[in-house]
Amino acid sequence: MTRSARFALAVALSMAIPGLVAAQVRTASGPVEGAASSDGTVRIFKGIAFAAPPVGDLRWKAPQAVEPWTETKKAVAFGPRCQQGAIFNDMIFRDEMSEDCLYLNVWTPAKGGETLPVMFWIHGGGFQAGSASEPRQDGEQLARKGVVVVSANHRLGVFGFFAHPELTKESAQKASGNYGLLDQVAALAWIKANIASFGGDPGNVTIFGESAGSFSVSALVASPLAKGLVHKAIGESGAYFTLGGGGLSTRLLPAAEEQGQKFATALGAADLAALRAKPAAEVLGAALKGQWFAPIIDGYALPKTVPEIYAAKAHNAVPLLAGWNADESRAGVTLAKVKPTAASFAESTKKRFGANADAILKAYPATTDAETIESAAALASDTFIGYSTWKWIQVHAAATNAPVYRYSFDRKIPIPPDTKVNGNVATAEDIGARHAGEIEYVFGALDSVPKVTWTPADRTLSDQIMGYWSNFAKKGDPNGKGLPKWPKYDAVKGTGVQHLDTTITTKTDVNRARYEALDGTVTGTR
């Protein structure tokens, strides 16, 4: 059957399903026509423009209103992904790449007259890569839990986070550099204006994201631009409470402008007009030669650092569900060509943490080489993602009366039997609950991962996680019928950590000493 024939069949089937949201929906910009899932229970709209193409004179400008249309647009294919390099080998895309990339997707199970909670997904990728088209982030299965799922692209890397004095000068807010975050806000504004037509409730929007997407969630919870657009938040591995340094730490606007000036000079662009005239491929190619562009403290989207905004209690005090994976960076240690020894670990820790090294070594003991491997793997995971997420949860719980729920994703994820790292066959034990490994479980998309044999327990866990996430979106509480009880997190006592594995358990934080030791190394703003 041809693609056009399949689409015609899907449309015919969807129009025959009584009560489902109409195949054609009128947005504020114009009508769009989606299709139904194979069983006709979910309506799917792909590639809806939520902002004007950020090209030409609109490159490095805040997202602008999309030009309205009158004829019905087919919304059955993902819009292009934003400009990026081939950075992460676990990303599989179902789109093309273009600078014209501000498109979103909607999965809705709503029947006529329904108003369902909305879940807005923000993909990861270090703010350098990623797309809403990835199969592991497909919203169809999650939507079956009674929520409207929306995902969107946002500008990345040099196109999303390039600051420059001329850009700051031309901005009405005297800010530049956070175009990717402004894209996310624009998508949320689109939801507020349009989602009721898809059966969603604009007054009940949960933002959720993984890795850089989770960093984005923490930024949006802090940003004044998201007030009234965000009602609940879910963070999966990451937040802007880092130890400082690294690509995911925020920079102040002057430093970002200085980087932008140097980049423009290296590119041979004398002014902003010349920069905007450069082909996208040339700009991207230059950025991929070691440049890293990510969110900054621009005085507008982020008036101050996220910790400073929280300290002033100027954040959005919404219910929060957050956590991280037990083995975020384990494989980088267990499968390294040269593994740390007790002696080398002590030496590297002293070099890295200086006067705080003794406290770190006490929290991450390394008396034998075997113990060293475990401690080194834990430290790598904590400094990468675990600490920042823990600190966010702690601060959010202390700064608001809204409920907070904390999880640890512990499943040692099945891997393909022929997986090799550094020439050696790897095991699930070597890798563990790796970074980004929970995404397929959250979206019920286990089968999107090639060559993995999933167990019935994995499918049950995925269904439970979708239940928790969707329940939280509905009422700010993940609990529901058929799910193991999940208590609120007590940040003072460390109780109520929900461990998500083939058997779900609730425990008191057993690793708190590690995070507190790392917390003692933090000085100044981040």
Protein backbone atom coordinates (compact mmCIF):
# COMPACT_ATOMS: atom_id res chain seq x y z
CA MET A 1 0.00 0.00 0.00
CA THR A 2 1.39 3.41 -0.93
CA ARG A 3 1.94 6.16 1.62
CA SER A 4 -0.91 8.22 0.16
CA ALA A 5 -3.22 5.21 0.28
CA ARG A 6 -2.31 4.55 3.92
CA PHE A 7 -3.01 8.17 4.77
CA ALA A 8 -6.37 8.09 3.00
CA LEU A 9 -7.30 4.93 4.88
CA ALA A 10 -6.25 6.45 8.21
CA VAL A 11 -8.25 9.61 7.57
CA ALA A 12 -11.31 7.60 6.54
CA LEU A 13 -11.01 5.45 9.65
CA SER A 14 -10.51 8.46 11.92
CA MET A 15 -13.56 10.23 10.54
CA ALA A 16 -15.61 7.13 11.25
CA ILE A 17 -14.69 6.99 14.95
CA PRO A 18 -17.61 8.45 16.87
CA GLY A 19 -16.77 11.24 19.29
CA LEU A 20 -13.03 11.52 18.53
CA VAL A 21 -11.70 15.04 17.97
CA ALA A 22 -12.38 15.99 14.35
CA ALA A 23 -9.81 15.18 11.69
CA GLN A 24 -9.76 18.87 10.81
CA VAL A 25 -9.01 21.36 13.58
CA ARG A 26 -8.94 25.11 13.21
CA THR A 27 -5.99 26.74 14.99
CA ALA A 28 -5.60 30.47 15.49
CA SER A 29 -3.40 30.53 12.37
CA GLY A 30 -5.46 28.27 10.14
CA PRO A 31 -7.00 24.81 9.75
CA VAL A 32 -4.97 21.60 9.96
CA GLU A 33 -5.89 18.02 9.21
CA GLY A 34 -4.37 15.08 11.06
CA ALA A 35 -4.91 11.35 11.01
CA ALA A 36 -5.89 8.65 13.48
CA SER A 37 -3.82 5.92 15.07
CA SER A 38 -4.17 2.46 13.57
CA ASP A 39 -6.91 1.56 16.04
CA GLY A 40 -8.62 4.92 15.70
CA THR A 41 -8.38 5.89 19.37
CA VAL A 42 -5.80 8.71 19.12
CA ARG A 43 -5.82 11.63 16.70
CA ILE A 44 -2.33 12.62 15.55
CA PHE A 45 -1.25 15.99 14.16
CA LYS A 46 2.36 16.41 13.07
CA GLY A 47 4.38 19.32 11.79
CA ILE A 48 2.18 22.26 12.83
CA ALA A 49 4.06 25.56 12.59
CA PHE A 50 3.95 27.43 15.90
CA ALA A 51 6.21 30.31 14.80
CA ALA A 52 7.50 31.86 11.60
CA PRO A 53 10.58 30.26 10.02
CA PRO A 54 13.60 31.72 11.89
CA VAL A 55 15.56 32.38 8.71
CA GLY A 56 17.03 35.43 6.98
CA ASP A 57 16.43 38.53 9.09
CA LEU A 58 14.66 36.36 11.69
CA ARG A 59 17.79 34.33 12.42
CA TRP A 60 18.73 35.05 16.05
CA LYS A 61 15.49 36.81 16.82
CA ALA A 62 12.75 35.85 19.24
CA PRO A 63 10.16 33.60 17.55
CA GLN A 64 7.69 35.62 15.50
CA ALA A 65 4.02 34.95 14.75
CA VAL A 66 3.42 32.48 11.97
CA GLU A 67 1.77 33.81 8.83
CA PRO A 68 -1.89 32.72 8.83
CA TRP A 69 -3.25 30.38 6.19
CA THR A 70 -6.76 29.70 4.92
CA GLU A 71 -6.57 26.37 3.11
CA THR A 72 -6.38 23.24 5.26
CA LYS A 73 -2.81 22.04 5.81
CA LYS A 74 -2.07 18.33 6.06
CA ALA A 75 -0.50 17.66 9.47
CA VAL A 76 0.69 14.11 8.91
CA ALA A 77 4.49 14.41 8.72
CA PHE A 78 7.01 15.72 11.23
CA GLY A 79 8.43 19.15 10.52
CA PRO A 80 12.17 19.46 9.92
CA ARG A 81 14.55 19.18 12.86
CA CYS A 82 16.66 22.19 13.72
CA GLN A 83 20.24 22.62 12.50
CA GLN A 84 22.64 20.30 14.33
CA GLY A 85 25.58 17.98 13.96
CA ALA A 86 25.52 14.18 14.19
CA ILE A 87 26.51 14.22 17.86
CA PHE A 88 24.62 11.41 19.60
CA ASN A 89 24.46 7.95 18.06
CA ASP A 90 21.32 6.96 19.98
CA MET A 91 19.21 9.58 18.19
CA ILE A 92 17.07 8.29 15.33
CA PHE A 93 15.12 10.86 13.34
CA ARG A 94 12.06 10.72 11.11
CA ASP A 95 12.52 14.12 9.51
CA GLU A 96 14.84 16.27 7.43
CA MET A 97 17.06 19.05 8.76
CA SER A 98 16.43 22.73 8.09
CA GLU A 99 16.83 26.14 9.68
CA ASP A 100 13.06 26.38 9.19
CA CYS A 101 12.26 24.05 12.09
CA LEU A 102 9.73 25.53 14.52
CA TYR A 103 7.04 22.87 14.35
CA LEU A 104 5.13 20.91 16.95
CA ASN A 105 3.06 17.72 17.17
CA VAL A 106 -0.12 16.80 19.00
CA TRP A 107 -1.44 13.38 20.06
CA THR A 108 -4.96 13.60 21.46
CA PRO A 109 -7.36 10.87 22.62
CA ALA A 110 -10.02 13.48 23.37
CA LYS A 111 -13.58 12.92 22.33
CA GLY A 112 -15.90 15.77 21.50
CA GLY A 113 -16.51 18.01 24.49
CA GLU A 114 -13.63 16.63 26.58
CA THR A 115 -10.97 18.80 28.20
CA LEU A 116 -7.90 16.71 29.00
CA PRO A 117 -4.63 17.55 30.78
CA VAL A 118 -1.78 18.55 28.47
CA MET A 119 1.78 17.21 28.63
CA PHE A 120 4.40 19.27 26.76
CA TRP A 121 7.59 17.33 26.05
CA ILE A 122 11.02 18.97 25.64
CA HIS A 123 13.66 16.72 24.07
CA GLY A 124 17.24 16.35 25.26
CA GLY A 125 20.52 16.55 23.40
CA GLY A 126 22.73 18.95 25.32
CA PHE A 127 21.02 21.92 23.58
CA GLN A 128 23.08 20.89 20.56
CA ALA A 129 20.99 18.14 18.99
CA GLY A 130 17.65 16.36 19.10
CA SER A 131 14.21 16.45 17.52
CA ALA A 132 10.59 15.82 18.40
CA SER A 133 10.47 13.20 15.66
CA GLU A 134 12.46 10.53 17.51
CA PRO A 135 10.48 7.25 17.67
CA ARG A 136 11.31 6.79 21.36
CA GLN A 137 9.47 10.06 22.05
CA ASP A 138 6.33 9.28 20.07
CA GLY A 139 3.33 10.42 22.10
CA GLU A 140 0.70 7.92 20.96
CA GLN A 141 0.96 5.40 23.80
CA LEU A 142 1.21 8.04 26.52
CA ALA A 143 -1.85 9.80 25.09
CA ARG A 144 -3.81 6.60 25.64
CA LYS A 145 -3.52 7.32 29.36
CA GLY A 146 -5.98 10.18 28.94
CA VAL A 147 -3.69 13.13 28.26
CA VAL A 148 -2.99 15.34 25.26
CA VAL A 149 0.72 15.08 24.40
CA VAL A 150 2.53 17.90 22.62
CA SER A 151 6.16 17.93 21.51
CA ALA A 152 8.06 20.67 19.71
CA ASN A 153 11.39 21.51 18.17
CA HIS A 154 13.46 24.43 19.40
CA ARG A 155 16.56 26.04 17.95
CA LEU A 156 19.84 24.44 18.99
CA GLY A 157 23.50 25.27 19.37
CA VAL A 158 24.70 28.36 17.55
CA PHE A 159 21.25 29.01 16.08
CA GLY A 160 19.51 28.74 19.44
CA PHE A 161 21.96 30.28 21.90
CA PHE A 162 24.22 32.74 20.07
CA ALA A 163 24.69 36.07 21.85
CA HIS A 164 26.30 39.17 20.35
CA PRO A 165 26.41 42.87 21.31
CA GLU A 166 24.57 43.83 18.12
CA LEU A 167 21.83 41.30 18.87
CA THR A 168 21.50 42.67 22.38
CA LYS A 169 21.34 46.23 21.05
CA GLU A 170 18.57 45.49 18.54
CA SER A 171 16.48 43.61 21.11
CA ALA A 172 13.66 45.52 22.80
CA GLN A 173 14.60 43.68 26.00
CA LYS A 174 18.33 44.32 25.52
CA ALA A 175 18.93 40.60 25.67
CA SER A 176 20.28 37.99 23.29
CA GLY A 177 21.23 34.35 23.20
CA ASN A 178 18.28 32.37 24.54
CA TYR A 179 16.32 31.84 21.33
CA GLY A 180 15.92 28.12 22.00
CA LEU A 181 14.26 28.85 25.36
CA LEU A 182 12.09 31.52 23.74
CA ASP A 183 10.99 28.89 21.21
CA GLN A 184 9.85 26.69 24.08
CA VAL A 185 7.88 29.60 25.57
CA ALA A 186 6.35 30.28 22.14
CA ALA A 187 5.23 26.64 21.91
CA LEU A 188 3.64 26.97 25.36
CA ALA A 189 1.87 30.14 24.21
CA TRP A 190 0.62 28.20 21.18
CA ILE A 191 -0.76 25.56 23.55
CA LYS A 192 -2.57 28.19 25.58
CA ALA A 193 -4.15 29.66 22.46
CA ASN A 194 -4.96 26.48 20.56
CA ILE A 195 -4.98 23.29 22.60
CA ALA A 196 -8.67 23.54 23.56
CA SER A 197 -9.49 22.84 19.90
CA PHE A 198 -7.63 19.53 20.28
CA GLY A 199 -9.49 18.59 23.47
CA GLY A 200 -6.79 19.82 25.84
CA ASP A 201 -7.04 22.05 28.89
CA PRO A 202 -4.89 25.21 28.52
CA GLY A 203 -5.18 25.67 32.27
CA ASN A 204 -3.57 22.32 33.07
CA VAL A 205 -0.24 22.05 31.27
CA THR A 206 2.60 19.86 32.54
CA ILE A 207 6.05 20.41 31.05
CA PHE A 208 8.36 17.41 31.05
CA GLY A 209 11.75 16.74 29.56
CA GLU A 210 14.93 14.68 29.77
CA SER A 211 18.57 15.77 30.11
CA ALA A 212 18.78 19.18 28.38
CA GLY A 213 14.99 18.96 28.27
CA SER A 214 14.99 18.63 32.06
CA PHE A 215 17.40 21.55 32.33
CA SER A 216 14.87 23.44 30.20
CA VAL A 217 12.07 22.44 32.57
CA SER A 218 14.02 23.85 35.52
CA ALA A 219 14.70 27.04 33.54
CA LEU A 220 11.04 27.45 32.58
CA VAL A 221 9.93 26.88 36.16
CA ALA A 222 12.28 29.75 37.06
CA SER A 223 11.52 32.01 34.11
CA PRO A 224 9.02 34.87 34.44
CA LEU A 225 8.07 34.28 30.80
CA ALA A 226 6.45 30.94 31.70
CA LYS A 227 4.11 32.32 34.34
CA GLY A 228 0.56 31.25 33.57
CA LEU A 229 1.75 28.81 30.90
CA VAL A 230 3.10 26.06 33.19
CA HIS A 231 1.06 24.36 35.91
CA LYS A 232 3.13 21.26 36.75
CA ALA A 233 6.65 20.09 35.99
CA ILE A 234 8.42 16.77 35.50
CA GLY A 235 12.22 16.68 35.30
CA GLU A 236 14.10 13.62 34.10
CA SER A 237 17.85 13.87 34.79
CA GLY A 238 19.11 17.40 35.03
CA ALA A 239 18.58 20.93 36.34
CA TYR A 240 20.30 24.29 36.52
CA PHE A 241 21.79 23.64 39.96
CA THR A 242 25.08 22.35 38.64
CA LEU A 243 28.45 22.18 40.34
CA GLY A 244 29.64 24.89 37.95
CA GLY A 245 31.57 24.66 34.71
CA GLY A 246 30.80 22.36 31.80
CA GLY A 247 28.64 22.84 28.75
CA LEU A 248 25.34 22.78 30.62
CA SER A 249 26.23 25.52 33.09
CA THR A 250 24.78 28.94 32.36
CA ARG A 251 26.98 31.90 31.46
CA LEU A 252 26.40 35.60 32.01
CA LEU A 253 25.48 37.74 29.01
CA PRO A 254 28.81 39.62 28.72
CA ALA A 255 30.75 36.35 28.51
CA ALA A 256 28.31 34.99 25.94
CA GLU A 257 28.58 38.19 23.89
CA GLU A 258 32.35 37.93 23.94
CA GLN A 259 32.13 34.37 22.64
CA GLY A 260 29.75 35.59 19.93
CA GLN A 261 32.13 38.34 18.82
CA LYS A 262 35.04 35.93 18.56
CA PHE A 263 32.89 33.47 16.62
CA ALA A 264 31.78 36.18 14.17
CA THR A 265 35.37 37.29 13.62
CA ALA A 266 36.51 33.72 12.98
CA LEU A 267 33.65 33.35 10.50
CA GLY A 268 34.74 36.48 8.66
CA ALA A 269 31.53 38.37 9.39
CA ALA A 270 32.08 42.08 10.01
CA ASP A 271 28.59 42.75 11.33
CA LEU A 272 25.24 41.18 12.12
CA ALA A 273 23.96 41.54 8.58
CA ALA A 274 26.93 39.56 7.31
CA LEU A 275 26.34 36.91 9.95
CA ARG A 276 22.70 36.50 8.93
CA ALA A 277 23.72 36.28 5.29
CA LYS A 278 25.99 33.32 5.93
CA PRO A 279 24.58 29.96 4.77
CA ALA A 280 23.30 27.85 7.64
CA ALA A 281 25.69 25.02 6.76
CA GLU A 282 28.68 27.36 7.05
CA VAL A 283 27.56 28.71 10.43
CA LEU A 284 26.87 25.20 11.74
CA GLY A 285 30.15 23.85 10.43
CA ALA A 286 32.11 26.57 12.19
CA ALA A 287 30.24 25.97 15.46
CA LEU A 288 30.90 22.25 15.33
CA LYS A 289 34.64 22.89 15.46
CA GLY A 290 34.63 22.94 19.23
CA GLN A 291 32.13 25.72 20.00
CA TRP A 292 29.34 25.13 22.54
CA PHE A 293 26.31 27.40 22.70
CA ALA A 294 23.72 26.88 25.47
CA PRO A 295 21.32 28.94 27.63
CA ILE A 296 22.69 32.06 29.29
CA ILE A 297 21.65 34.57 31.94
CA ASP A 298 20.30 37.13 29.49
CA GLY A 299 18.33 39.33 31.88
CA TYR A 300 15.06 38.45 30.16
CA ALA A 301 14.20 34.77 29.80
CA LEU A 302 16.54 34.18 32.74
CA PRO A 303 16.88 37.45 34.70
CA LYS A 304 19.33 35.77 37.10
CA THR A 305 20.73 32.28 37.61
CA VAL A 306 18.12 29.65 38.43
CA PRO A 307 19.43 29.24 42.03
CA GLU A 308 19.23 33.03 42.49
CA ILE A 309 15.67 33.12 41.16
CA TYR A 310 14.70 30.38 43.61
CA ALA A 311 16.47 32.15 46.46
CA ALA A 312 14.33 35.21 45.74
CA LYS A 313 11.24 32.97 45.56
CA ALA A 314 10.51 34.41 42.13
CA HIS A 315 10.08 30.98 40.51
CA ASN A 316 6.83 29.34 39.47
CA ALA A 317 5.73 27.38 42.55
CA VAL A 318 4.24 24.41 40.71
CA PRO A 319 4.00 20.73 41.74
CA LEU A 320 7.20 18.91 40.80
CA LEU A 321 8.00 15.29 39.98
CA ALA A 322 11.69 14.74 39.32
CA GLY A 323 14.53 12.28 39.53
CA TRP A 324 17.33 10.67 37.61
CA ASN A 325 18.73 7.31 36.58
CA ALA A 326 20.83 5.26 38.96
CA ASP A 327 23.71 4.76 36.51
CA GLU A 328 23.75 7.92 34.39
CA SER A 329 27.44 7.63 33.48
CA ARG A 330 28.38 4.18 34.80
CA ALA A 331 29.49 2.77 31.46
CA GLY A 332 32.11 5.48 31.07
CA VAL A 333 33.92 3.94 34.04
CA THR A 334 33.13 0.22 33.89
CA LEU A 335 33.85 -0.01 30.16
CA ALA A 336 36.77 2.40 30.02
CA LYS A 337 39.99 1.22 28.38
CA VAL A 338 41.87 2.22 31.52
CA LYS A 339 39.87 1.74 34.71
CA PRO A 340 40.57 3.73 37.86
CA THR A 341 42.44 2.18 40.76
CA ALA A 342 42.23 3.17 44.40
CA ALA A 343 45.44 5.17 43.99
CA SER A 344 44.52 6.88 40.72
CA PHE A 345 41.01 7.72 41.95
CA ALA A 346 42.38 9.35 45.10
CA GLU A 347 44.88 11.33 43.06
CA SER A 348 42.33 12.57 40.51
CA THR A 349 39.84 13.44 43.24
CA LYS A 350 42.42 15.54 45.11
CA LYS A 351 43.35 17.32 41.90
CA ARG A 352 39.71 18.03 41.03
CA PHE A 353 38.30 18.97 44.43
CA GLY A 354 41.31 20.37 46.25
CA ALA A 355 40.49 21.23 49.86
CA ASN A 356 37.18 19.36 49.55
CA ALA A 357 38.79 16.12 48.38
CA ASP A 358 38.76 14.40 51.78
CA ALA A 359 35.01 14.93 52.15
CA ILE A 360 34.46 13.58 48.63
CA LEU A 361 36.61 10.51 49.23
CA LYS A 362 34.72 9.81 52.44
CA ALA A 363 31.42 9.89 50.54
CA TYR A 364 32.87 7.90 47.63
CA PRO A 365 35.19 5.40 49.36
CA ALA A 366 37.93 3.69 47.40
CA THR A 367 39.76 1.30 49.69
CA THR A 368 39.97 -1.47 47.08
CA ASP A 369 40.03 -1.43 43.30
CA ALA A 370 36.61 -3.09 43.14
CA GLU A 371 35.11 -0.49 45.49
CA THR A 372 36.86 2.20 43.45
CA ILE A 373 35.04 1.20 40.27
CA GLU A 374 31.67 1.59 41.99
CA SER A 375 32.61 4.90 43.62
CA ALA A 376 34.09 6.30 40.43
CA ALA A 377 30.97 5.32 38.50
CA ALA A 378 28.77 6.93 41.15
CA LEU A 379 30.83 10.12 41.19
CA ALA A 380 30.74 10.37 37.40
CA SER A 381 26.96 9.99 37.40
CA ASP A 382 26.43 12.40 40.28
CA THR A 383 28.64 15.17 38.93
CA PHE A 384 27.12 14.80 35.47
CA ILE A 385 23.42 14.79 36.38
CA GLY A 386 22.51 13.37 39.79
CA TYR A 387 23.66 16.23 42.01
CA SER A 388 21.99 19.00 39.97
CA THR A 389 18.67 17.18 39.97
CA TRP A 390 18.90 16.41 43.69
CA LYS A 391 19.67 20.05 44.51
CA TRP A 392 16.75 21.27 42.38
CA ILE A 393 14.36 18.93 44.19
CA GLN A 394 15.69 20.01 47.59
CA VAL A 395 15.43 23.71 46.81
CA HIS A 396 12.02 23.44 45.17
CA ALA A 397 10.65 21.51 48.13
CA ALA A 398 11.97 24.14 50.54
CA ALA A 399 10.75 27.09 48.49
CA THR A 400 7.14 26.09 47.90
CA ASN A 401 4.24 24.32 49.53
CA ALA A 402 3.39 22.54 46.27
CA PRO A 403 3.80 18.74 46.35
CA VAL A 404 7.13 17.24 45.33
CA TYR A 405 7.70 13.64 44.22
CA ARG A 406 11.16 12.15 43.71
CA TYR A 407 12.15 9.01 41.83
CA SER A 408 15.20 6.92 41.02
CA PHE A 409 15.05 4.93 37.79
CA ASP A 410 16.93 1.73 38.65
CA ARG A 411 16.18 -0.74 35.88
CA LYS A 412 19.33 -2.31 34.47
CA ILE A 413 18.11 -1.82 30.94
CA PRO A 414 18.33 -4.76 28.52
CA ILE A 415 20.82 -4.20 25.70
CA PRO A 416 21.43 -5.89 22.34
CA PRO A 417 23.38 -9.15 22.80
CA ASP A 418 26.17 -8.04 20.45
CA THR A 419 26.90 -4.71 22.18
CA LYS A 420 30.64 -4.02 22.26
CA VAL A 421 32.53 -1.17 23.89
CA ASN A 422 36.26 -0.76 23.40
CA GLY A 423 36.31 -4.16 21.71
CA ASN A 424 34.73 -6.00 24.62
CA VAL A 425 31.21 -7.40 24.91
CA ALA A 426 29.19 -5.27 27.33
CA THR A 427 26.50 -6.48 29.71
CA ALA A 428 23.43 -4.80 31.16
CA GLU A 429 25.25 -4.86 34.52
CA ASP A 430 28.14 -2.87 33.03
CA ILE A 431 25.81 -0.14 31.76
CA GLY A 432 22.94 -0.26 34.24
CA ALA A 433 20.20 2.36 34.32
CA ARG A 434 21.96 4.58 31.80
CA HIS A 435 21.39 8.20 30.89
CA ALA A 436 18.29 8.68 28.71
CA GLY A 437 17.34 5.03 29.16
CA GLU A 438 14.00 5.87 30.80
CA ILE A 439 12.64 7.71 27.75
CA GLU A 440 11.33 4.57 26.05
CA TYR A 441 9.57 3.58 29.27
CA VAL A 442 7.97 7.01 29.73
CA PHE A 443 6.49 6.92 26.23
CA GLY A 444 5.66 3.22 26.05
CA ALA A 445 8.07 3.04 23.12
CA LEU A 446 10.25 0.07 24.04
CA ASP A 447 9.87 -1.42 20.58
CA SER A 448 11.44 1.68 19.03
CA VAL A 449 14.83 0.42 20.27
CA PRO A 450 16.35 -2.00 17.76
CA LYS A 451 17.68 -5.46 18.64
CA VAL A 452 16.62 -5.43 22.29
CA THR A 453 14.57 -8.28 23.74
CA TRP A 454 12.23 -6.74 26.28
CA THR A 455 10.79 -8.79 29.12
CA PRO A 456 7.17 -8.68 30.30
CA ALA A 457 8.51 -6.93 33.42
CA ASP A 458 9.88 -4.11 31.25
CA ARG A 459 6.52 -3.63 29.60
CA THR A 460 4.80 -3.59 32.99
CA LEU A 461 7.28 -1.02 34.28
CA SER A 462 6.71 1.15 31.22
CA ASP A 463 2.95 1.02 31.75
CA GLN A 464 3.39 1.92 35.42
CA ILE A 465 5.62 4.90 34.63
CA MET A 466 3.14 6.17 32.03
CA GLY A 467 0.46 5.81 34.69
CA TYR A 468 2.47 7.77 37.24
CA TRP A 469 3.40 10.55 34.78
CA SER A 470 -0.12 10.93 33.37
CA ASN A 471 -1.73 10.86 36.83
CA PHE A 472 0.62 13.62 37.93
CA ALA A 473 -0.38 15.65 34.88
CA LYS A 474 -4.04 15.19 35.72
CA LYS A 475 -3.99 16.08 39.41
CA GLY A 476 -0.46 16.84 40.63
CA ASP A 477 -0.26 13.41 42.27
CA PRO A 478 1.20 10.32 40.51
CA ASN A 479 -0.86 7.84 42.49
CA GLY A 480 -3.73 5.93 40.95
CA LYS A 481 -5.52 2.63 40.75
CA GLY A 482 -3.28 -0.40 40.28
CA LEU A 483 -0.02 1.47 40.98
CA PRO A 484 2.30 0.99 43.97
CA LYS A 485 1.83 3.84 46.42
CA TRP A 486 4.14 6.81 45.83
CA PRO A 487 4.39 9.12 48.89
CA LYS A 488 5.34 12.77 48.73
CA TYR A 489 9.04 13.42 49.11
CA ASP A 490 10.25 14.82 52.42
CA ALA A 491 13.33 16.88 51.56
CA VAL A 492 14.37 17.26 55.20
CA LYS A 493 14.25 13.57 56.08
CA GLY A 494 15.01 12.27 52.58
CA THR A 495 12.03 9.91 52.73
CA GLY A 496 9.71 9.00 49.90
CA VAL A 497 12.13 8.19 47.07
CA GLN A 498 10.29 5.98 44.58
CA HIS A 499 12.62 3.41 43.01
CA LEU A 500 11.35 2.50 39.57
CA ASP A 501 12.43 -1.02 38.66
CA THR A 502 10.80 -4.32 37.75
CA THR A 503 9.71 -4.24 41.38
CA ILE A 504 8.82 -0.73 42.55
CA THR A 505 9.82 0.18 46.10
CA THR A 506 9.88 3.29 48.26
CA LYS A 507 13.03 4.07 50.26
CA THR A 508 14.76 6.76 52.24
CA ASP A 509 17.61 8.41 50.33
CA VAL A 510 20.61 6.14 50.92
CA ASN A 511 23.03 8.32 48.93
CA ARG A 512 22.36 11.65 50.60
CA ALA A 513 25.90 11.87 52.01
CA ARG A 514 27.25 11.88 48.46
CA TYR A 515 25.12 14.82 47.33
CA GLU A 516 25.79 16.78 50.51
CA ALA A 517 29.53 16.28 50.03
CA LEU A 518 29.27 17.63 46.49
CA ASP A 519 27.08 20.47 47.72
CA GLY A 520 29.90 21.52 50.00
CA THR A 521 32.12 22.16 46.96
CA VAL A 522 29.78 24.72 45.37
CA THR A 523 30.70 28.38 45.62
CA GLY A 524 29.16 31.42 43.97
CA THR A 525 26.57 31.41 41.20
CA ARG A 526 26.19 28.64 38.69
